[in-house]
PDB file of N, CA and C in Angstrom:
ATOM      1  N   MET A   1     -92.436 100.494 -36.534  1.00  0.00           N
ATOM      2  CA  MET A   1     -91.239 100.283 -35.439  1.00  0.00           C
ATOM      3  C   MET A   1     -90.874 101.747 -35.189  1.00  0.00           C
ATOM      4  N   VAL A   2     -91.185 102.128 -33.779  1.00  0.00           N
ATOM      5  CA  VAL A   2     -90.245 103.781 -33.514  1.00  0.00           C
ATOM      6  C   VAL A   2     -88.497 103.510 -33.495  1.00  0.00           C
ATOM      7  N   LYS A   3     -88.411 105.157 -33.437  1.00  0.00           N
ATOM      8  CA  LYS A   3     -86.589 104.264 -33.221  1.00  0.00           C
ATOM      9  C   LYS A   3     -86.499 105.362 -31.756  1.00  0.00           C
ATOM     10  N   LEU A   4     -85.641 104.503 -31.067  1.00  0.00           N
ATOM     11  CA  LEU A   4     -85.413 104.760 -29.811  1.00  0.00           C
ATOM     12  C   LEU A   4     -83.737 105.064 -29.429  1.00  0.00           C
ATOM     13  N   LYS A   5     -83.635 105.660 -28.556  1.00  0.00           N
ATOM     14  CA  LYS A   5     -82.296 106.367 -27.817  1.00  0.00           C
ATOM     15  C   LYS A   5     -82.602 106.126 -26.274  1.00  0.00           C
ATOM     16  N   VAL A   6     -81.257 105.839 -26.050  1.00  0.00           N
ATOM     17  CA  VAL A   6     -80.984 104.883 -25.359  1.00  0.00           C
ATOM     18  C   VAL A   6     -79.448 105.364 -24.570  1.00  0.00           C
ATOM     19  N   SER A   7     -79.672 106.516 -23.467  1.00  0.00           N
ATOM     20  CA  SER A   7     -78.714 107.406 -22.653  1.00  0.00           C
ATOM     21  C   SER A   7     -78.686 107.324 -21.497  1.00  0.00           C
ATOM     22  N   VAL A   8     -76.965 107.451 -20.582  1.00  0.00           N
ATOM     23  CA  VAL A   8     -76.752 107.290 -19.283  1.00  0.00           C
ATOM     24  C   VAL A   8     -77.268 108.910 -19.271  1.00  0.00           C
ATOM     25  N   GLU A   9     -78.184 108.491 -17.996  1.00  0.00           N
ATOM     26  CA  GLU A   9     -78.993 109.541 -16.859  1.00  0.00           C
ATOM     27  C   GLU A   9     -77.579 110.195 -15.948  1.00  0.00           C
ATOM     28  N   LYS A  10     -77.492 109.056 -15.342  1.00  0.00           N
ATOM     29  CA  LYS A  10     -76.495 109.103 -13.958  1.00  0.00           C
ATOM     30  C   LYS A  10     -75.939 107.789 -13.668  1.00  0.00           C
ATOM     31  N   ILE A  11     -75.237 107.818 -12.704  1.00  0.00           N
ATOM     32  CA  ILE A  11     -74.524 106.867 -12.416  1.00  0.00           C
ATOM     33  C   ILE A  11     -73.750 107.284 -10.840  1.00  0.00           C
ATOM     34  N   ASP A  12     -74.907 106.579 -10.246  1.00  0.00           N
ATOM     35  CA  ASP A  12     -74.831 105.825  -8.802  1.00  0.00           C
ATOM     36  C   ASP A  12     -72.911 105.798  -7.950  1.00  0.00           C
ATOM     37  N   GLY A  13     -72.584 104.692  -8.770  1.00  0.00           N
ATOM     38  CA  GLY A  13     -71.525 104.026  -7.969  1.00  0.00           C
ATOM     39  C   GLY A  13     -69.967 104.298  -9.504  1.00  0.00           C
ATOM     40  N   TYR A  14     -69.846 103.222  -9.877  1.00  0.00           N
ATOM     41  CA  TYR A  14     -67.873 103.427 -10.350  1.00  0.00           C
ATOM     42  C   TYR A  14     -68.820 102.134 -11.693  1.00  0.00           C
ATOM     43  N   CYS A  15     -68.439 103.211 -12.622  1.00  0.00           N
ATOM     44  CA  CYS A  15     -68.411 102.760 -13.909  1.00  0.00           C
ATOM     45  C   CYS A  15     -67.081 102.308 -14.680  1.00  0.00           C
ATOM     46  N   ASN A  16     -66.626 100.850 -14.766  1.00  0.00           N
ATOM     47  CA  ASN A  16     -65.158 100.667 -14.839  1.00  0.00           C
ATOM     48  C   ASN A  16     -65.141 100.256 -16.419  1.00  0.00           C
ATOM     49  N   GLN A  17     -66.085 101.147 -17.428  1.00  0.00           N
ATOM     50  CA  GLN A  17     -65.959 100.545 -18.636  1.00  0.00           C
ATOM     51  C   GLN A  17     -65.592 101.563 -19.692  1.00  0.00           C
ATOM     52  N   PRO A  18     -65.916 102.490 -19.239  1.00  0.00           N
ATOM     53  CA  PRO A  18     -66.376 103.405 -18.515  1.00  0.00           C
ATOM     54  C   PRO A  18     -66.865 104.255 -19.093  1.00  0.00           C
ATOM     55  N   MET A  19     -68.901 103.884 -19.084  1.00  0.00           N
ATOM     56  CA  MET A  19     -69.473 105.092 -19.194  1.00  0.00           C
ATOM     57  C   MET A  19     -70.081 106.426 -18.782  1.00  0.00           C
ATOM     58  N   LEU A  20     -70.247 107.274 -19.671  1.00  0.00           N
ATOM     59  CA  LEU A  20     -69.966 108.256 -19.050  1.00  0.00           C
ATOM     60  C   LEU A  20     -71.721 109.013 -18.812  1.00  0.00           C
ATOM     61  N   VAL A  21     -72.138 109.832 -18.062  1.00  0.00           N
ATOM     62  CA  VAL A  21     -73.265 110.394 -18.521  1.00  0.00           C
ATOM     63  C   VAL A  21     -73.812 111.456 -19.632  1.00  0.00           C
ATOM     64  N   GLY A  22     -74.909 111.287 -20.486  1.00  0.00           N
ATOM     65  CA  GLY A  22     -74.837 111.377 -21.757  1.00  0.00           C
ATOM     66  C   GLY A  22     -74.128 110.790 -23.094  1.00  0.00           C
ATOM     67  N   ASP A  23     -73.521 109.866 -22.598  1.00  0.00           N
ATOM     68  CA  ASP A  23     -73.319 108.416 -23.836  1.00  0.00           C
ATOM     69  C   ASP A  23     -74.883 108.212 -23.941  1.00  0.00           C
ATOM     70  N   HIS A  24     -74.561 107.957 -25.359  1.00  0.00           N
ATOM     71  CA  HIS A  24     -76.013 106.898 -26.032  1.00  0.00           C
ATOM     72  C   HIS A  24     -75.991 106.466 -27.121  1.00  0.00           C
ATOM     73  N   PHE A  25     -77.077 105.532 -27.293  1.00  0.00           N
ATOM     74  CA  PHE A  25     -77.314 104.902 -28.693  1.00  0.00           C
ATOM     75  C   PHE A  25     -78.086 105.118 -29.017  1.00  0.00           C
ATOM     76  N   PHE A  26     -78.935 104.194 -30.609  1.00  0.00           N
ATOM     77  CA  PHE A  26     -79.723 104.481 -31.131  1.00  0.00           C
ATOM     78  C   PHE A  26     -80.246 103.534 -31.221  1.00  0.00           C
ATOM     79  N   VAL A  27     -81.457 102.254 -31.443  1.00  0.00           N
ATOM     80  CA  VAL A  27     -82.039 101.666 -31.966  1.00  0.00           C
ATOM     81  C   VAL A  27     -83.244 101.126 -32.787  1.00  0.00           C
ATOM     82  N   GLU A  28     -82.692 101.604 -34.256  1.00  0.00           N
ATOM     83  CA  GLU A  28     -83.938 101.706 -35.362  1.00  0.00           C
ATOM     84  C   GLU A  28     -83.996 100.362 -35.857  1.00  0.00           C
ATOM     85  N   GLY A  29     -85.389  99.326 -35.627  1.00  0.00           N
ATOM     86  CA  GLY A  29     -85.437  98.390 -36.727  1.00  0.00           C
ATOM     87  C   GLY A  29     -85.170  97.473 -35.468  1.00  0.00           C
ATOM     88  N   GLY A  30     -84.084  96.372 -36.410  1.00  0.00           N
ATOM     89  CA  GLY A  30     -82.779  95.686 -35.184  1.00  0.00           C
ATOM     90  C   GLY A  30     -81.491  95.945 -35.727  1.00  0.00           C
ATOM     91  N   LYS A  31     -81.272  97.332 -35.884  1.00  0.00           N
ATOM     92  CA  LYS A  31     -80.274  98.082 -35.691  1.00  0.00           C
ATOM     93  C   LYS A  31     -79.344  98.820 -34.896  1.00  0.00           C
ATOM     94  N   ILE A  32     -78.502  98.543 -34.030  1.00  0.00           N
ATOM     95  CA  ILE A  32     -78.149  99.666 -33.291  1.00  0.00           C
ATOM     96  C   ILE A  32     -77.442 100.643 -33.575  1.00  0.00           C
ATOM     97  N   SER A  33     -77.247 102.251 -33.578  1.00  0.00           N
ATOM     98  CA  SER A  33     -76.214 102.890 -34.198  1.00  0.00           C
ATOM     99  C   SER A  33     -75.616 103.738 -33.215  1.00  0.00           C
ATOM    100  N   ILE A  34     -74.219 103.744 -33.094  1.00  0.00           N
ATOM    101  CA  ILE A  34     -73.407 104.171 -31.382  1.00  0.00           C
ATOM    102  C   ILE A  34     -72.306 105.040 -32.115  1.00  0.00           C
ATOM    103  N   PRO A  35     -72.745 106.499 -31.752  1.00  0.00           N
ATOM    104  CA  PRO A  35     -71.615 107.587 -32.459  1.00  0.00           C
ATOM    105  C   PRO A  35     -70.527 107.502 -32.563  1.00  0.00           C
ATOM    106  N   ALA A  36     -69.750 107.856 -32.901  1.00  0.00           N
ATOM    107  CA  ALA A  36     -68.409 107.758 -33.643  1.00  0.00           C
ATOM    108  C   ALA A  36     -67.645 108.132 -32.589  1.00  0.00           C
ATOM    109  N   GLY A  37     -66.321 106.551 -31.428  1.00  0.00           N
ATOM    110  CA  GLY A  37     -65.638 106.735 -30.474  1.00  0.00           C
ATOM    111  C   GLY A  37     -66.264 106.785 -29.698  1.00  0.00           C
ATOM    112  N   LYS A  38     -67.485 106.144 -29.893  1.00  0.00           N
ATOM    113  CA  LYS A  38     -68.221 105.948 -28.226  1.00  0.00           C
ATOM    114  C   LYS A  38     -68.979 104.150 -28.356  1.00  0.00           C
ATOM    115  N   HIS A  39     -68.483 103.856 -27.464  1.00  0.00           N
ATOM    116  CA  HIS A  39     -68.921 102.103 -27.219  1.00  0.00           C
ATOM    117  C   HIS A  39     -70.588 102.295 -26.463  1.00  0.00           C
ATOM    118  N   ILE A  40     -70.601 100.777 -25.560  1.00  0.00           N
ATOM    119  CA  ILE A  40     -71.990 100.112 -25.166  1.00  0.00           C
ATOM    120  C   ILE A  40     -71.124  99.129 -24.595  1.00  0.00           C
ATOM    121  N   CYS A  41     -71.808  99.292 -23.153  1.00  0.00           N
ATOM    122  CA  CYS A  41     -71.570  98.016 -22.180  1.00  0.00           C
ATOM    123  C   CYS A  41     -72.100  96.985 -22.724  1.00  0.00           C
ATOM    124  N   MET A  42     -71.321  96.023 -23.153  1.00  0.00           N
ATOM    125  CA  MET A  42     -72.113  94.678 -23.351  1.00  0.00           C
ATOM    126  C   MET A  42     -73.131  94.403 -22.255  1.00  0.00           C
ATOM    127  N   TRP A  43     -72.986  94.236 -20.656  1.00  0.00           N
ATOM    128  CA  TRP A  43     -73.860  93.630 -20.016  1.00  0.00           C
ATOM    129  C   TRP A  43     -74.985  94.190 -19.220  1.00  0.00           C
ATOM    130  N   ALA A  44     -74.416  96.074 -19.882  1.00  0.00           N
ATOM    131  CA  ALA A  44     -75.703  96.936 -19.994  1.00  0.00           C
ATOM    132  C   ALA A  44     -77.045  96.886 -20.632  1.00  0.00           C
ATOM    133  N   LEU A  45     -76.122  96.462 -21.996  1.00  0.00           N
ATOM    134  CA  LEU A  45     -77.201  96.232 -23.260  1.00  0.00           C
ATOM    135  C   LEU A  45     -77.701  95.021 -23.081  1.00  0.00           C
ATOM    136  N   GLN A  46     -77.280  94.211 -22.791  1.00  0.00           N
ATOM    137  CA  GLN A  46     -77.608  92.304 -22.133  1.00  0.00           C
ATOM    138  C   GLN A  46     -79.154  92.717 -21.379  1.00  0.00           C
ATOM    139  N   SER A  47     -78.833  93.229 -20.134  1.00  0.00           N
ATOM    140  CA  SER A  47     -80.159  93.915 -19.557  1.00  0.00           C
ATOM    141  C   SER A  47     -80.993  94.832 -19.983  1.00  0.00           C
ATOM    142  N   ILE A  48     -81.059  95.109 -20.860  1.00  0.00           N
ATOM    143  CA  ILE A  48     -81.839  96.227 -21.562  1.00  0.00           C
ATOM    144  C   ILE A  48     -82.595  95.173 -23.132  1.00  0.00           C
ATOM    145  N   MET A  49     -81.763  94.655 -23.526  1.00  0.00           N
ATOM    146  CA  MET A  49     -82.211  94.158 -25.093  1.00  0.00           C
ATOM    147  C   MET A  49     -83.711  93.996 -25.021  1.00  0.00           C
ATOM    148  N   PRO A  50     -84.139  92.607 -23.547  1.00  0.00           N
ATOM    149  CA  PRO A  50     -85.564  92.371 -23.971  1.00  0.00           C
ATOM    150  C   PRO A  50     -86.900  93.536 -23.967  1.00  0.00           C
ATOM    151  N   ILE A  51     -86.286  94.702 -23.014  1.00  0.00           N
ATOM    152  CA  ILE A  51     -87.062  95.741 -23.329  1.00  0.00           C
ATOM    153  C   ILE A  51     -86.945  95.926 -24.834  1.00  0.00           C
ATOM    154  N   LEU A  52     -86.278  96.132 -25.396  1.00  0.00           N
ATOM    155  CA  LEU A  52     -86.245  97.540 -26.992  1.00  0.00           C
ATOM    156  C   LEU A  52     -87.675  96.931 -27.737  1.00  0.00           C
ATOM    157  N   PRO A  53     -87.505  95.649 -27.869  1.00  0.00           N
ATOM    158  CA  PRO A  53     -88.920  95.552 -29.146  1.00  0.00           C
ATOM    159  C   PRO A  53     -90.102  96.145 -28.355  1.00  0.00           C
ATOM    160  N   LEU A  54     -90.378  96.009 -27.117  1.00  0.00           N
ATOM    161  CA  LEU A  54     -91.418  96.784 -26.659  1.00  0.00           C
ATOM    162  C   LEU A  54     -91.787  98.337 -26.604  1.00  0.00           C
ATOM    163  N   MET A  55     -90.652  98.609 -26.666  1.00  0.00           N
ATOM    164  CA  MET A  55     -90.459 100.124 -26.380  1.00  0.00           C
ATOM    165  C   MET A  55     -90.629 100.070 -27.612  1.00  0.00           C
ATOM    166  N   GLN A  56     -89.866  99.866 -28.973  1.00  0.00           N
ATOM    167  CA  GLN A  56     -90.717 100.394 -30.561  1.00  0.00           C
ATOM    168  C   GLN A  56     -91.572 100.013 -30.937  1.00  0.00           C
ATOM    169  N   ARG A  57     -92.681  99.841 -30.401  1.00  0.00           N
ATOM    170  CA  ARG A  57     -93.890  99.625 -30.584  1.00  0.00           C
ATOM    171  C   ARG A  57     -94.427 100.473 -31.124  1.00  0.00           C
ATOM    172  N   ASN A  58     -95.362 101.219 -31.491  1.00  0.00           N
ATOM    173  CA  ASN A  58     -96.347 102.212 -31.683  1.00  0.00           C
ATOM    174  C   ASN A  58     -97.764 102.129 -31.061  1.00  0.00           C
ATOM    175  N   SER A  59     -97.214 102.287 -29.323  1.00  0.00           N
ATOM    176  CA  SER A  59     -98.363 101.571 -28.634  1.00  0.00           C
ATOM    177  C   SER A  59     -99.322 102.965 -28.053  1.00  0.00           C
ATOM    178  N   GLY A  60    -100.633 102.405 -28.152  1.00  0.00           N
ATOM    179  CA  GLY A  60    -100.830 102.960 -27.413  1.00  0.00           C
ATOM    180  C   GLY A  60    -102.317 103.576 -26.261  1.00  0.00           C
ATOM    181  N   GLU A  61    -102.335 101.927 -26.248  1.00  0.00           N
ATOM    182  CA  GLU A  61    -103.508 101.332 -25.905  1.00  0.00           C
ATOM    183  C   GLU A  61    -103.343 101.798 -24.386  1.00  0.00           C
ATOM    184  N   LYS A  62    -104.750 102.147 -23.645  1.00  0.00           N
ATOM    185  CA  LYS A  62    -104.963 102.594 -22.789  1.00  0.00           C
ATOM    186  C   LYS A  62    -104.057 101.475 -21.327  1.00  0.00           C
ATOM    187  N   GLY A  63    -103.718 101.847 -20.544  1.00  0.00           N
ATOM    188  CA  GLY A  63    -102.689 100.831 -19.364  1.00  0.00           C
ATOM    189  C   GLY A  63    -101.491 100.082 -19.964  1.00  0.00           C
ATOM    190  N   ASP A  64    -100.773 100.779 -21.249  1.00  0.00           N
ATOM    191  CA  ASP A  64     -99.950  99.764 -21.583  1.00  0.00           C
ATOM    192  C   ASP A  64     -98.418 101.122 -21.412  1.00  0.00           C
ATOM    193  N   TRP A  65     -97.819 100.112 -19.940  1.00  0.00           N
ATOM    194  CA  TRP A  65     -97.250 101.072 -19.504  1.00  0.00           C
ATOM    195  C   TRP A  65     -95.664 101.719 -20.666  1.00  0.00           C
ATOM    196  N   THR A  66     -95.548 100.674 -21.356  1.00  0.00           N
ATOM    197  CA  THR A  66     -94.220 101.544 -22.478  1.00  0.00           C
ATOM    198  C   THR A  66     -94.904 102.475 -23.290  1.00  0.00           C
ATOM    199  N   ALA A  67     -95.698 102.933 -22.852  1.00  0.00           N
ATOM    200  CA  ALA A  67     -96.633 103.776 -23.785  1.00  0.00           C
ATOM    201  C   ALA A  67     -96.102 105.296 -23.038  1.00  0.00           C
ATOM    202  N   LYS A  68     -95.528 105.839 -22.322  1.00  0.00           N
ATOM    203  CA  LYS A  68     -94.715 107.467 -21.801  1.00  0.00           C
ATOM    204  C   LYS A  68     -93.790 107.160 -22.075  1.00  0.00           C
ATOM    205  N   ASP A  69     -93.962 108.698 -22.464  1.00  0.00           N
ATOM    206  CA  ASP A  69     -93.169 109.003 -24.030  1.00  0.00           C
ATOM    207  C   ASP A  69     -92.112 109.924 -23.125  1.00  0.00           C
ATOM    208  N   SER A  70     -91.981 109.723 -21.534  1.00  0.00           N
ATOM    209  CA  SER A  70     -90.939 110.062 -21.528  1.00  0.00           C
ATOM    210  C   SER A  70     -89.789 109.661 -21.062  1.00  0.00           C
ATOM    211  N   GLY A  71     -90.395 108.391 -21.501  1.00  0.00           N
ATOM    212  CA  GLY A  71     -89.176 107.552 -21.072  1.00  0.00           C
ATOM    213  C   GLY A  71     -89.142 106.257 -20.188  1.00  0.00           C
ATOM    214  N   GLN A  72     -88.483 105.253 -20.385  1.00  0.00           N
ATOM    215  CA  GLN A  72     -88.546 104.688 -19.597  1.00  0.00           C
ATOM    216  C   GLN A  72     -86.542 104.621 -18.489  1.00  0.00           C
ATOM    217  N   LEU A  73     -86.701 104.312 -17.418  1.00  0.00           N
ATOM    218  CA  LEU A  73     -85.311 104.307 -16.854  1.00  0.00           C
ATOM    219  C   LEU A  73     -85.364 102.576 -16.333  1.00  0.00           C
ATOM    220  N   PHE A  74     -83.862 102.180 -16.508  1.00  0.00           N
ATOM    221  CA  PHE A  74     -83.525 100.530 -16.527  1.00  0.00           C
ATOM    222  C   PHE A  74     -82.085 100.626 -16.113  1.00  0.00           C
ATOM    223  N   VAL A  75     -81.479  99.933 -14.681  1.00  0.00           N
ATOM    224  CA  VAL A  75     -80.584 100.145 -14.444  1.00  0.00           C
ATOM    225  C   VAL A  75     -79.291  99.054 -14.079  1.00  0.00           C
ATOM    226  N   CYS A  76     -77.877  99.326 -15.188  1.00  0.00           N
ATOM    227  CA  CYS A  76     -77.561  98.521 -14.897  1.00  0.00           C
ATOM    228  C   CYS A  76     -77.416  97.392 -13.810  1.00  0.00           C
ATOM    229  N   PRO A  77     -76.651  95.998 -14.170  1.00  0.00           N
ATOM    230  CA  PRO A  77     -76.556  95.035 -13.831  1.00  0.00           C
ATOM    231  C   PRO A  77     -75.597  94.993 -12.636  1.00  0.00           C
ATOM    232  N   ASP A  78     -74.572  95.883 -12.921  1.00  0.00           N
ATOM    233  CA  ASP A  78     -73.158  95.510 -11.806  1.00  0.00           C
ATOM    234  C   ASP A  78     -73.697  96.488 -11.066  1.00  0.00           C
ATOM    235  N   PRO A  79     -73.501  95.878  -9.575  1.00  0.00           N
ATOM    236  CA  PRO A  79     -73.780  96.018  -8.658  1.00  0.00           C
ATOM    237  C   PRO A  79     -73.344  98.005  -8.022  1.00  0.00           C
ATOM    238  N   LYS A  80     -71.967  97.268  -8.284  1.00  0.00           N
ATOM    239  CA  LYS A  80     -71.045  98.176  -7.996  1.00  0.00           C
ATOM    240  C   LYS A  80     -71.347  99.493  -8.846  1.00  0.00           C
ATOM    241  N   GLY A  81     -72.132  99.341 -10.431  1.00  0.00           N
ATOM    242  CA  GLY A  81     -71.613 100.467 -11.259  1.00  0.00           C
ATOM    243  C   GLY A  81     -72.740 101.458 -11.774  1.00  0.00           C
ATOM    244  N   LYS A  82     -73.991 101.068 -10.845  1.00  0.00           N
ATOM    245  CA  LYS A  82     -75.473 101.777 -10.603  1.00  0.00           C
ATOM    246  C   LYS A  82     -75.257 102.023 -11.641  1.00  0.00           C
ATOM    247  N   VAL A  83     -75.370 102.668 -13.248  1.00  0.00           N
ATOM    248  CA  VAL A  83     -75.409 103.144 -14.204  1.00  0.00           C
ATOM    249  C   VAL A  83     -76.784 103.300 -14.756  1.00  0.00           C
ATOM    250  N   HIS A  84     -77.428 104.680 -14.913  1.00  0.00           N
ATOM    251  CA  HIS A  84     -79.122 104.250 -15.415  1.00  0.00           C
ATOM    252  C   HIS A  84     -79.572 105.188 -16.527  1.00  0.00           C
ATOM    253  N   TYR A  85     -79.901 104.165 -17.521  1.00  0.00           N
ATOM    254  CA  TYR A  85     -79.900 104.313 -18.610  1.00  0.00           C
ATOM    255  C   TYR A  85     -81.519 104.985 -19.007  1.00  0.00           C
ATOM    256  N   ARG A  86     -81.879 105.597 -19.437  1.00  0.00           N
ATOM    257  CA  ARG A  86     -83.030 106.330 -20.483  1.00  0.00           C
ATOM    258  C   ARG A  86     -83.316 105.981 -21.124  1.00  0.00           C
ATOM    259  N   ILE A  87     -84.602 105.124 -21.607  1.00  0.00           N
ATOM    260  CA  ILE A  87     -85.079 104.257 -23.496  1.00  0.00           C
ATOM    261  C   ILE A  87     -86.065 105.330 -23.310  1.00  0.00           C
ATOM    262  N   GLU A  88     -85.658 106.263 -24.742  1.00  0.00           N
ATOM    263  CA  GLU A  88     -86.896 107.392 -24.947  1.00  0.00           C
ATOM    264  C   GLU A  88     -87.095 107.102 -26.303  1.00  0.00           C
ATOM    265  N   ARG A  89     -88.501 106.953 -26.825  1.00  0.00           N
ATOM    266  CA  ARG A  89     -89.198 106.762 -28.068  1.00  0.00           C
ATOM    267  C   ARG A  89     -88.476 108.241 -28.926  1.00  0.00           C
ATOM    268  N   ILE A  90     -88.162 108.600 -30.036  1.00  0.00           N
ATOM    269  CA  ILE A  90     -88.158 109.284 -30.816  1.00  0.00           C
ATOM    270  C   ILE A  90     -89.334 109.680 -31.694  1.00  0.00           C
ATOM    271  N   ARG A  91     -89.987 110.247 -32.285  1.00  0.00           N
ATOM    272  CA  ARG A  91     -90.670 110.706 -33.176  1.00  0.00           C
ATOM    273  C   ARG A  91     -90.694 111.655 -33.640  1.00  0.00           C
ATOM    274  N   ASP A  92     -90.536 111.043 -34.910  1.00  0.00           N
ATOM    275  CA  ASP A  92     -89.549 111.921 -36.581  1.00  0.00           C
ATOM    276  C   ASP A  92     -91.291 113.045 -36.734  1.00  0.00           C
TER     277      ASP A  92
END
């Protein structure tokens, strides 16, 4: 499985958590690692969770939309927050 980095890319509204541009966490296997002193918005995490296993696959099949190494963008479900997250594969 591929290690992932999930980071806040931009905020188009008001996040009351508050998540800040540049905040990030890592997903490796079934573990989530958060930098010391930081946190993850539970609602944003809930919306991203279904896609994480797909992004962790070593995919290379033609036409696989998850194969883009530039990352995938997802928006927090809070219509007032509009926090944009980027999910990127980390290739060591």
